[in-house]
Amino acid sequence: MHSYPVTVHYEDTDLGGIVYHANYLKFIERARSDWVRKLGIDQVALRRDGVVFAVHHIEAWFQAPATLDEELIVETAIAEAGSVRMVLDQRVYRGDTCLFRAQVTLVSMTTGGKPRRLPEELRGLSGNT
């Protein structure tokens, strides 16, 4: 399980003072990038080698609102990992309360858009985050 802290800034909120729904996607994207970096994977080097990650599918559940200045935690865990795709379970918490949950399917591909095996560091990680 990887944890990533997020503070809700004014720009993250709508006129009602709650986090605008699309910003949860930004929060979980930042958490995924941080997770990959902490695994020791250099995404810049991968791109130079012609390997990139793309979001193939997202299912999202909005469960409770977050508001300005709240401290949140994004948790990322691997639900499933194969040779080309990986499914992540990502949740945004305020304390013990889950505010948002997403299941994100990532695929590994060439910069030309063709499927490519996940980097060795990611293959078979299921349950080892």
N, C-alpha and C. Protein backbone atom coordinates (compact mmCIF):
# COMPACT_ATOMS: atom_id res chain seq x y z
N MET A 1 0.86 -1.19 0.00
CA MET A 1 0.00 0.00 0.00
C MET A 1 0.89 1.24 0.00
N HIS A 2 0.63 2.15 -0.92
CA HIS A 2 1.36 3.41 -0.99
C HIS A 2 0.43 4.52 -0.51
N SER A 3 0.94 5.41 0.33
CA SER A 3 0.16 6.55 0.81
C SER A 3 0.78 7.85 0.33
N TYR A 4 -0.08 8.77 -0.10
CA TYR A 4 0.38 10.05 -0.64
C TYR A 4 -0.50 11.16 -0.03
N PRO A 5 0.11 12.12 0.65
CA PRO A 5 -0.68 13.19 1.26
C PRO A 5 -1.08 14.28 0.26
N VAL A 6 -2.27 14.80 0.43
CA VAL A 6 -2.78 15.90 -0.41
C VAL A 6 -3.45 16.91 0.51
N THR A 7 -3.14 18.18 0.30
CA THR A 7 -3.85 19.26 0.98
C THR A 7 -4.79 19.90 -0.03
N VAL A 8 -6.03 20.11 0.36
CA VAL A 8 -7.00 20.73 -0.54
C VAL A 8 -6.74 22.23 -0.58
N HIS A 9 -6.45 22.73 -1.78
CA HIS A 9 -6.20 24.15 -2.00
C HIS A 9 -7.44 24.81 -2.58
N TYR A 10 -7.47 26.13 -2.51
CA TYR A 10 -8.62 26.89 -3.02
C TYR A 10 -8.93 26.51 -4.47
N GLU A 11 -7.91 26.36 -5.28
CA GLU A 11 -8.10 26.02 -6.70
C GLU A 11 -8.73 24.65 -6.91
N ASP A 12 -8.73 23.79 -5.89
CA ASP A 12 -9.32 22.46 -5.99
C ASP A 12 -10.82 22.46 -5.75
N THR A 13 -11.34 23.58 -5.23
CA THR A 13 -12.74 23.62 -4.83
C THR A 13 -13.62 24.36 -5.83
N ASP A 14 -14.92 24.08 -5.72
CA ASP A 14 -15.89 24.78 -6.57
C ASP A 14 -16.51 25.93 -5.76
N LEU A 15 -17.53 26.57 -6.31
CA LEU A 15 -18.15 27.70 -5.60
C LEU A 15 -18.81 27.29 -4.29
N GLY A 16 -19.14 26.03 -4.17
CA GLY A 16 -19.74 25.54 -2.92
C GLY A 16 -18.70 25.24 -1.85
N GLY A 17 -17.41 25.38 -2.20
CA GLY A 17 -16.34 25.15 -1.23
C GLY A 17 -15.94 23.70 -1.08
N ILE A 18 -16.42 22.84 -1.98
CA ILE A 18 -16.03 21.43 -1.91
C ILE A 18 -15.14 21.10 -3.11
N VAL A 19 -14.39 20.02 -2.99
CA VAL A 19 -13.48 19.62 -4.06
C VAL A 19 -14.30 19.30 -5.31
N TYR A 20 -13.94 19.95 -6.41
CA TYR A 20 -14.58 19.70 -7.70
C TYR A 20 -14.26 18.27 -8.12
N HIS A 21 -15.26 17.56 -8.62
CA HIS A 21 -15.13 16.12 -8.86
C HIS A 21 -13.91 15.73 -9.69
N ALA A 22 -13.58 16.49 -10.73
CA ALA A 22 -12.45 16.13 -11.61
C ALA A 22 -11.11 16.23 -10.89
N ASN A 23 -11.05 16.98 -9.81
CA ASN A 23 -9.78 17.12 -9.10
C ASN A 23 -9.38 15.87 -8.35
N TYR A 24 -10.34 15.00 -8.03
CA TYR A 24 -9.97 13.72 -7.44
C TYR A 24 -9.12 12.91 -8.41
N LEU A 25 -9.39 13.04 -9.71
CA LEU A 25 -8.57 12.34 -10.71
C LEU A 25 -7.15 12.88 -10.71
N LYS A 26 -6.99 14.19 -10.49
CA LYS A 26 -5.65 14.77 -10.38
C LYS A 26 -4.94 14.24 -9.14
N PHE A 27 -5.66 14.15 -8.03
CA PHE A 27 -5.06 13.66 -6.79
C PHE A 27 -4.54 12.24 -6.98
N ILE A 28 -5.36 11.37 -7.60
CA ILE A 28 -4.92 9.98 -7.73
C ILE A 28 -3.83 9.84 -8.79
N GLU A 29 -3.82 10.72 -9.79
CA GLU A 29 -2.74 10.71 -10.79
C GLU A 29 -1.41 11.05 -10.13
N ARG A 30 -1.40 12.08 -9.29
CA ARG A 30 -0.17 12.45 -8.59
C ARG A 30 0.31 11.31 -7.69
N ALA A 31 -0.64 10.66 -7.04
CA ALA A 31 -0.28 9.54 -6.16
C ALA A 31 0.33 8.39 -6.96
N ARG A 32 -0.22 8.11 -8.16
CA ARG A 32 0.36 7.05 -8.99
C ARG A 32 1.77 7.40 -9.42
N SER A 33 1.99 8.65 -9.82
CA SER A 33 3.34 9.08 -10.22
C SER A 33 4.32 8.95 -9.08
N ASP A 34 3.89 9.34 -7.88
CA ASP A 34 4.76 9.24 -6.71
C ASP A 34 5.06 7.78 -6.39
N TRP A 35 4.06 6.93 -6.50
CA TRP A 35 4.22 5.49 -6.24
C TRP A 35 5.26 4.88 -7.18
N VAL A 36 5.13 5.18 -8.49
CA VAL A 36 6.08 4.65 -9.48
C VAL A 36 7.49 5.15 -9.17
N ARG A 37 7.61 6.43 -8.85
CA ARG A 37 8.91 7.02 -8.52
C ARG A 37 9.52 6.32 -7.31
N LYS A 38 8.70 6.06 -6.29
CA LYS A 38 9.21 5.42 -5.07
C LYS A 38 9.55 3.95 -5.28
N LEU A 39 9.02 3.36 -6.33
CA LEU A 39 9.42 2.00 -6.70
C LEU A 39 10.78 2.00 -7.39
N GLY A 40 11.31 3.20 -7.67
CA GLY A 40 12.61 3.32 -8.33
C GLY A 40 12.54 3.28 -9.84
N ILE A 41 11.34 3.50 -10.38
CA ILE A 41 11.16 3.47 -11.84
C ILE A 41 11.27 4.90 -12.37
N ASP A 42 12.17 5.10 -13.30
CA ASP A 42 12.40 6.41 -13.92
C ASP A 42 11.54 6.51 -15.17
N GLN A 43 10.40 7.22 -15.05
CA GLN A 43 9.49 7.34 -16.18
C GLN A 43 10.08 8.14 -17.34
N VAL A 44 10.98 9.05 -17.04
CA VAL A 44 11.64 9.81 -18.11
C VAL A 44 12.53 8.87 -18.93
N ALA A 45 13.27 8.01 -18.24
CA ALA A 45 14.12 7.03 -18.94
C ALA A 45 13.26 6.04 -19.71
N LEU A 46 12.16 5.61 -19.13
CA LEU A 46 11.27 4.69 -19.84
C LEU A 46 10.77 5.32 -21.14
N ARG A 47 10.37 6.58 -21.05
CA ARG A 47 9.87 7.28 -22.25
C ARG A 47 10.96 7.36 -23.31
N ARG A 48 12.20 7.66 -22.88
CA ARG A 48 13.32 7.68 -23.84
C ARG A 48 13.48 6.32 -24.52
N ASP A 49 13.18 5.24 -23.76
CA ASP A 49 13.26 3.89 -24.30
C ASP A 49 12.00 3.48 -25.05
N GLY A 50 11.05 4.43 -25.16
CA GLY A 50 9.84 4.17 -25.94
C GLY A 50 8.70 3.52 -25.18
N VAL A 51 8.74 3.54 -23.84
CA VAL A 51 7.70 2.93 -23.02
C VAL A 51 6.95 4.01 -22.25
N VAL A 52 5.61 3.98 -22.33
CA VAL A 52 4.78 4.91 -21.57
C VAL A 52 3.61 4.14 -20.96
N PHE A 53 2.96 4.76 -20.00
CA PHE A 53 1.76 4.20 -19.38
C PHE A 53 0.57 5.04 -19.81
N ALA A 54 -0.56 4.40 -20.00
CA ALA A 54 -1.78 5.11 -20.34
C ALA A 54 -2.92 4.55 -19.49
N VAL A 55 -3.82 5.44 -19.09
CA VAL A 55 -5.03 5.01 -18.41
C VAL A 55 -5.97 4.47 -19.48
N HIS A 56 -6.38 3.21 -19.29
CA HIS A 56 -7.28 2.56 -20.24
C HIS A 56 -8.73 2.67 -19.77
N HIS A 57 -8.92 2.59 -18.46
CA HIS A 57 -10.29 2.57 -17.93
C HIS A 57 -10.27 3.05 -16.48
N ILE A 58 -11.30 3.82 -16.11
CA ILE A 58 -11.47 4.23 -14.71
C ILE A 58 -12.93 4.05 -14.32
N GLU A 59 -13.13 3.47 -13.15
CA GLU A 59 -14.44 3.47 -12.51
C GLU A 59 -14.26 4.26 -11.23
N ALA A 60 -15.17 5.20 -10.97
CA ALA A 60 -15.00 6.07 -9.81
C ALA A 60 -16.28 6.14 -8.99
N TRP A 61 -16.09 6.20 -7.67
CA TRP A 61 -17.19 6.32 -6.73
C TRP A 61 -16.92 7.52 -5.82
N PHE A 62 -17.81 8.49 -5.84
CA PHE A 62 -17.71 9.66 -4.97
C PHE A 62 -18.57 9.37 -3.75
N GLN A 63 -17.93 9.35 -2.58
CA GLN A 63 -18.64 8.89 -1.39
C GLN A 63 -18.93 9.99 -0.37
N ALA A 64 -18.09 11.01 -0.29
CA ALA A 64 -18.30 12.12 0.64
C ALA A 64 -17.43 13.28 0.17
N PRO A 65 -17.84 14.52 0.45
CA PRO A 65 -17.07 15.67 -0.03
C PRO A 65 -15.85 15.99 0.84
N ALA A 66 -14.85 16.56 0.19
CA ALA A 66 -13.71 17.15 0.89
C ALA A 66 -13.82 18.67 0.71
N THR A 67 -13.26 19.41 1.66
CA THR A 67 -13.36 20.87 1.61
C THR A 67 -11.99 21.52 1.77
N LEU A 68 -11.99 22.81 1.55
CA LEU A 68 -10.77 23.63 1.58
C LEU A 68 -9.95 23.39 2.84
N ASP A 69 -8.63 23.27 2.63
CA ASP A 69 -7.63 23.12 3.69
C ASP A 69 -7.62 21.77 4.39
N GLU A 70 -8.43 20.84 3.94
CA GLU A 70 -8.40 19.52 4.56
C GLU A 70 -7.15 18.76 4.13
N GLU A 71 -6.65 17.94 5.04
CA GLU A 71 -5.52 17.07 4.76
C GLU A 71 -6.07 15.70 4.39
N LEU A 72 -5.73 15.24 3.19
CA LEU A 72 -6.24 13.97 2.69
C LEU A 72 -5.07 13.02 2.46
N ILE A 73 -5.38 11.75 2.38
CA ILE A 73 -4.39 10.72 2.04
C ILE A 73 -4.94 9.92 0.87
N VAL A 74 -4.12 9.75 -0.16
CA VAL A 74 -4.47 8.88 -1.28
C VAL A 74 -3.72 7.57 -1.09
N GLU A 75 -4.45 6.48 -1.02
CA GLU A 75 -3.84 5.17 -0.90
C GLU A 75 -3.95 4.45 -2.24
N THR A 76 -2.85 3.82 -2.65
CA THR A 76 -2.79 3.10 -3.91
C THR A 76 -2.35 1.67 -3.64
N ALA A 77 -3.10 0.73 -4.19
CA ALA A 77 -2.75 -0.68 -4.05
C ALA A 77 -3.01 -1.38 -5.38
N ILE A 78 -2.20 -2.37 -5.68
CA ILE A 78 -2.40 -3.15 -6.90
C ILE A 78 -3.49 -4.18 -6.65
N ALA A 79 -4.51 -4.15 -7.51
CA ALA A 79 -5.57 -5.15 -7.43
C ALA A 79 -5.24 -6.34 -8.32
N GLU A 80 -4.54 -6.05 -9.42
CA GLU A 80 -4.23 -7.09 -10.40
C GLU A 80 -3.08 -6.61 -11.27
N ALA A 81 -2.16 -7.50 -11.61
CA ALA A 81 -1.06 -7.14 -12.49
C ALA A 81 -0.83 -8.26 -13.49
N GLY A 82 -0.71 -7.89 -14.75
CA GLY A 82 -0.44 -8.87 -15.80
C GLY A 82 0.81 -8.47 -16.56
N SER A 83 0.90 -8.92 -17.77
CA SER A 83 2.11 -8.63 -18.56
C SER A 83 2.05 -7.25 -19.21
N VAL A 84 0.86 -6.78 -19.55
CA VAL A 84 0.73 -5.49 -20.24
C VAL A 84 -0.12 -4.51 -19.45
N ARG A 85 -1.02 -5.01 -18.62
CA ARG A 85 -1.92 -4.10 -17.89
C ARG A 85 -1.86 -4.34 -16.40
N MET A 86 -2.28 -3.30 -15.68
CA MET A 86 -2.30 -3.35 -14.22
C MET A 86 -3.55 -2.63 -13.76
N VAL A 87 -4.23 -3.20 -12.77
CA VAL A 87 -5.42 -2.57 -12.20
C VAL A 87 -5.06 -2.12 -10.79
N LEU A 88 -5.29 -0.84 -10.53
CA LEU A 88 -5.00 -0.26 -9.22
C LEU A 88 -6.28 0.11 -8.51
N ASP A 89 -6.29 -0.08 -7.21
CA ASP A 89 -7.37 0.40 -6.36
C ASP A 89 -6.84 1.64 -5.68
N GLN A 90 -7.49 2.78 -5.90
CA GLN A 90 -7.04 4.03 -5.28
C GLN A 90 -8.18 4.63 -4.48
N ARG A 91 -7.86 5.06 -3.28
CA ARG A 91 -8.85 5.63 -2.37
C ARG A 91 -8.32 6.92 -1.76
N VAL A 92 -9.22 7.88 -1.59
CA VAL A 92 -8.88 9.15 -0.96
C VAL A 92 -9.59 9.19 0.39
N TYR A 93 -8.80 9.39 1.44
CA TYR A 93 -9.33 9.40 2.80
C TYR A 93 -9.13 10.75 3.47
N ARG A 94 -10.08 11.07 4.34
CA ARG A 94 -9.91 12.12 5.34
C ARG A 94 -10.03 11.38 6.66
N GLY A 95 -8.90 11.20 7.31
CA GLY A 95 -8.90 10.36 8.51
C GLY A 95 -9.27 8.94 8.13
N ASP A 96 -10.28 8.40 8.81
CA ASP A 96 -10.74 7.04 8.52
C ASP A 96 -11.88 7.01 7.50
N THR A 97 -12.32 8.18 7.04
CA THR A 97 -13.45 8.25 6.12
C THR A 97 -12.99 8.22 4.68
N CYS A 98 -13.48 7.24 3.93
CA CYS A 98 -13.17 7.17 2.50
C CYS A 98 -14.09 8.13 1.76
N LEU A 99 -13.49 9.11 1.06
CA LEU A 99 -14.24 10.12 0.33
C LEU A 99 -14.45 9.76 -1.14
N PHE A 100 -13.48 9.05 -1.69
CA PHE A 100 -13.47 8.77 -3.13
C PHE A 100 -12.73 7.46 -3.35
N ARG A 101 -13.23 6.67 -4.29
CA ARG A 101 -12.57 5.42 -4.63
C ARG A 101 -12.58 5.27 -6.13
N ALA A 102 -11.48 4.77 -6.67
CA ALA A 102 -11.39 4.52 -8.11
C ALA A 102 -10.65 3.23 -8.37
N GLN A 103 -11.10 2.54 -9.39
CA GLN A 103 -10.36 1.39 -9.89
C GLN A 103 -9.84 1.82 -11.26
N VAL A 104 -8.51 1.84 -11.38
CA VAL A 104 -7.84 2.39 -12.56
C VAL A 104 -7.08 1.28 -13.28
N THR A 105 -7.38 1.12 -14.56
CA THR A 105 -6.66 0.15 -15.38
C THR A 105 -5.63 0.90 -16.21
N LEU A 106 -4.36 0.55 -16.00
CA LEU A 106 -3.25 1.14 -16.75
C LEU A 106 -2.72 0.11 -17.73
N VAL A 107 -2.28 0.60 -18.87
CA VAL A 107 -1.62 -0.28 -19.84
C VAL A 107 -0.25 0.29 -20.16
N SER A 108 0.64 -0.60 -20.50
CA SER A 108 1.98 -0.22 -20.93
C SER A 108 1.99 -0.27 -22.45
N MET A 109 2.57 0.74 -23.06
CA MET A 109 2.61 0.78 -24.52
C MET A 109 3.83 1.54 -25.02
N THR A 110 4.08 1.40 -26.31
CA THR A 110 5.16 2.15 -26.93
C THR A 110 4.69 3.58 -27.13
N THR A 111 5.61 4.49 -27.36
CA THR A 111 5.23 5.87 -27.63
C THR A 111 4.44 5.96 -28.93
N GLY A 112 4.49 4.92 -29.75
CA GLY A 112 3.69 4.85 -30.98
C GLY A 112 2.30 4.27 -30.76
N GLY A 113 1.96 3.89 -29.52
CA GLY A 113 0.63 3.43 -29.20
C GLY A 113 0.39 1.93 -29.29
N LYS A 114 1.45 1.15 -29.44
CA LYS A 114 1.32 -0.32 -29.51
C LYS A 114 1.52 -0.91 -28.11
N PRO A 115 0.79 -1.99 -27.78
CA PRO A 115 0.97 -2.63 -26.47
C PRO A 115 2.42 -3.07 -26.27
N ARG A 116 2.88 -2.95 -25.03
CA ARG A 116 4.24 -3.35 -24.69
C ARG A 116 4.23 -3.91 -23.27
N ARG A 117 5.05 -4.91 -23.01
CA ARG A 117 5.09 -5.49 -21.67
C ARG A 117 5.39 -4.43 -20.61
N LEU A 118 4.78 -4.61 -19.46
CA LEU A 118 5.09 -3.74 -18.33
C LEU A 118 6.57 -3.87 -18.01
N PRO A 119 7.18 -2.80 -17.53
CA PRO A 119 8.57 -2.92 -17.08
C PRO A 119 8.68 -4.03 -16.03
N GLU A 120 9.80 -4.69 -16.03
CA GLU A 120 10.03 -5.83 -15.13
C GLU A 120 9.72 -5.50 -13.68
N GLU A 121 10.03 -4.26 -13.26
CA GLU A 121 9.82 -3.85 -11.88
C GLU A 121 8.34 -3.89 -11.47
N LEU A 122 7.44 -3.81 -12.47
CA LEU A 122 6.01 -3.79 -12.18
C LEU A 122 5.32 -5.12 -12.39
N ARG A 123 5.88 -5.99 -13.21
CA ARG A 123 5.24 -7.27 -13.51
C ARG A 123 5.18 -8.12 -12.25
N GLY A 124 4.02 -8.66 -12.00
CA GLY A 124 3.86 -9.58 -10.88
C GLY A 124 3.91 -8.93 -9.51
N LEU A 125 3.68 -7.63 -9.41
CA LEU A 125 3.73 -6.95 -8.11
C LEU A 125 2.48 -7.16 -7.28
N SER A 126 1.45 -7.72 -7.84
CA SER A 126 0.16 -7.85 -7.16
C SER A 126 0.35 -8.32 -5.72
N GLY A 127 -0.12 -7.49 -4.81
CA GLY A 127 0.00 -7.83 -3.39
C GLY A 127 1.32 -7.43 -2.78
N ASN A 128 2.27 -6.87 -3.57
CA ASN A 128 3.59 -6.52 -3.05
C ASN A 128 3.85 -5.02 -3.09
N THR A 129 2.84 -4.21 -2.90
CA THR A 129 3.04 -2.77 -2.92
C THR A 129 3.53 -2.32 -1.57
